[in-house]
Amino acid sequence: MSRHNFKNLTIWQKGMDLVSDTYNLIRSFPDIEKYGLSSQMIRSATSIPSNIAEGSSKTSDKHFNNYLETSLGSAFEWETQLNVALMQGYLSNQKFKILENKIQQIEKMISGFKNSLKS
C-alpha cells in the first residue's frame, strides 16, 4: 500500500466541509446546548476527517480500513444528532434535508473507499 495524501482525498475534503457546516449550524442552537448537542456534533463531525487523516498514515490497507470504519461510525453518529436537532426545532426542514444529503453522501463515499481498499 502506498500512503494516501489525505488532503487530496475527496472524503477528507467533504468531511472538512461538514465540520464548517456544523460550526455554522450550532451558532443558532440555544445556549442550553453549548455542552450538550453542540459539543457532540462538533466532536463527531471533526472525527470524520480526523480519522481519515490518521488512517492515511498507516502502512497497510487493513489498518487504514479500521480508521475508515471509525470515521463512518462518526458520520452515522452525526446524522443521528442532526435528527435530534430537527426534533428539537433547532433547524428548518429545508436545512435538515441539505445536511442530511451531505452526510449520506459522505457515508456512501467512505463505504465505497473502504471497499476499494479491500480489493
Protein backbone atom coordinates (compact mmCIF):
# COMPACT_ATOMS: atom_id res chain seq x y z
CA MET A 1 0.00 0.00 0.00
CA SER A 2 1.23 3.46 -0.76
CA ARG A 3 0.27 6.13 1.70
CA HIS A 4 -2.50 8.47 0.69
CA ASN A 5 -2.19 12.23 0.88
CA PHE A 6 -5.31 12.75 2.97
CA LYS A 7 -5.70 16.36 1.82
CA ASN A 8 -6.22 15.10 -1.73
CA LEU A 9 -8.94 12.63 -0.71
CA THR A 10 -12.42 13.85 -1.58
CA ILE A 11 -13.85 12.13 1.50
CA TRP A 12 -11.49 14.15 3.72
CA GLN A 13 -12.40 17.39 1.91
CA LYS A 14 -16.14 16.66 2.24
CA GLY A 15 -15.58 15.84 5.91
CA MET A 16 -13.87 19.19 6.44
CA ASP A 17 -16.80 20.93 4.73
CA LEU A 18 -19.14 19.17 7.16
CA VAL A 19 -17.07 20.48 10.09
CA SER A 20 -17.64 24.03 8.79
CA ASP A 21 -21.33 23.32 8.25
CA THR A 22 -21.55 22.04 11.81
CA TYR A 23 -19.98 25.14 13.32
CA ASN A 24 -22.34 27.30 11.27
CA LEU A 25 -25.35 25.23 12.31
CA ILE A 26 -24.71 25.22 16.04
CA ARG A 27 -24.41 29.00 16.15
CA SER A 28 -28.21 29.05 16.03
CA PHE A 29 -28.67 26.47 18.82
CA PRO A 30 -29.84 27.69 22.21
CA ASP A 31 -27.24 28.23 24.95
CA ILE A 32 -28.55 25.18 26.81
CA GLU A 33 -26.95 23.03 24.10
CA LYS A 34 -23.46 24.53 24.44
CA TYR A 35 -22.12 21.50 26.32
CA GLY A 36 -24.69 19.04 25.02
CA LEU A 37 -25.74 18.52 21.44
CA SER A 38 -23.49 21.27 20.05
CA SER A 39 -20.42 19.72 21.60
CA GLN A 40 -21.37 16.22 20.45
CA MET A 41 -21.96 17.39 16.87
CA ILE A 42 -18.61 19.15 16.73
CA ARG A 43 -16.79 16.10 18.08
CA SER A 44 -18.44 13.65 15.69
CA ALA A 45 -18.05 15.97 12.67
CA THR A 46 -14.38 16.55 13.48
CA SER A 47 -13.85 12.83 13.96
CA ILE A 48 -14.80 12.09 10.35
CA PRO A 49 -11.87 13.83 8.57
CA SER A 50 -9.54 13.31 11.56
CA ASN A 51 -9.81 9.53 11.34
CA ILE A 52 -9.39 9.63 7.57
CA ALA A 53 -6.21 11.66 8.01
CA GLU A 54 -4.85 9.43 10.76
CA GLY A 55 -5.69 6.28 8.85
CA SER A 56 -3.90 7.55 5.76
CA SER A 57 -0.63 7.42 7.71
CA LYS A 58 -0.91 3.67 8.33
CA THR A 59 1.27 1.25 6.44
CA SER A 60 -1.44 -1.21 5.47
CA ASP A 61 -4.88 -1.00 3.92
CA LYS A 62 -6.19 -3.17 6.76
CA HIS A 63 -5.17 -0.56 9.33
CA PHE A 64 -6.46 2.30 7.18
CA ASN A 65 -9.78 0.45 6.89
CA ASN A 66 -10.09 0.41 10.70
CA TYR A 67 -9.85 4.21 10.76
CA LEU A 68 -12.34 4.50 7.91
CA GLU A 69 -14.70 2.31 9.94
CA THR A 70 -14.41 4.73 12.86
CA SER A 71 -14.94 7.66 10.50
CA LEU A 72 -18.07 6.01 9.13
CA GLY A 73 -19.35 5.43 12.66
CA SER A 74 -18.85 9.11 13.42
CA ALA A 75 -20.78 10.01 10.28
CA PHE A 76 -23.75 7.90 11.41
CA GLU A 77 -23.47 9.44 14.87
CA TRP A 78 -23.56 12.94 13.36
CA GLU A 79 -26.58 12.02 11.22
CA THR A 80 -28.40 10.89 14.38
CA GLN A 81 -27.51 14.13 16.14
CA LEU A 82 -28.82 16.06 13.14
CA ASN A 83 -32.14 14.24 13.56
CA VAL A 84 -32.19 15.20 17.25
CA ALA A 85 -31.59 18.84 16.30
CA LEU A 86 -34.53 18.67 13.90
CA MET A 87 -36.77 17.06 16.53
CA GLN A 88 -35.90 19.87 18.94
CA GLY A 89 -36.71 22.52 16.32
CA TYR A 90 -33.14 23.82 16.08
CA LEU A 91 -33.15 23.88 12.28
CA SER A 92 -35.62 24.08 9.42
CA ASN A 93 -36.73 21.08 7.39
CA GLN A 94 -35.02 22.62 4.36
CA LYS A 95 -31.66 22.96 6.16
CA PHE A 96 -32.11 19.46 7.57
CA LYS A 97 -32.59 17.97 4.09
CA ILE A 98 -29.49 19.72 2.76
CA LEU A 99 -27.32 18.49 5.63
CA GLU A 100 -28.88 15.03 5.60
CA ASN A 101 -28.00 14.71 1.93
CA LYS A 102 -24.41 15.83 2.62
CA ILE A 103 -23.85 13.34 5.42
CA GLN A 104 -25.41 10.49 3.46
CA GLN A 105 -23.12 11.25 0.53
CA ILE A 106 -20.12 11.20 2.88
CA GLU A 107 -21.28 7.86 4.31
CA LYS A 108 -21.54 6.39 0.81
CA MET A 109 -18.14 7.75 -0.16
CA ILE A 110 -16.45 6.35 2.94
CA SER A 111 -18.09 2.96 2.36
CA GLY A 112 -17.00 2.99 -1.28
CA PHE A 113 -13.45 3.93 -0.37
CA LYS A 114 -13.35 1.15 2.24
CA ASN A 115 -14.48 -1.34 -0.39
CA SER A 116 -11.84 -0.14 -2.86
CA LEU A 117 -9.12 -0.75 -0.27
CA LYS A 118 -10.30 -4.33 0.21
CA SER A 119 -9.87 -5.20 -3.46
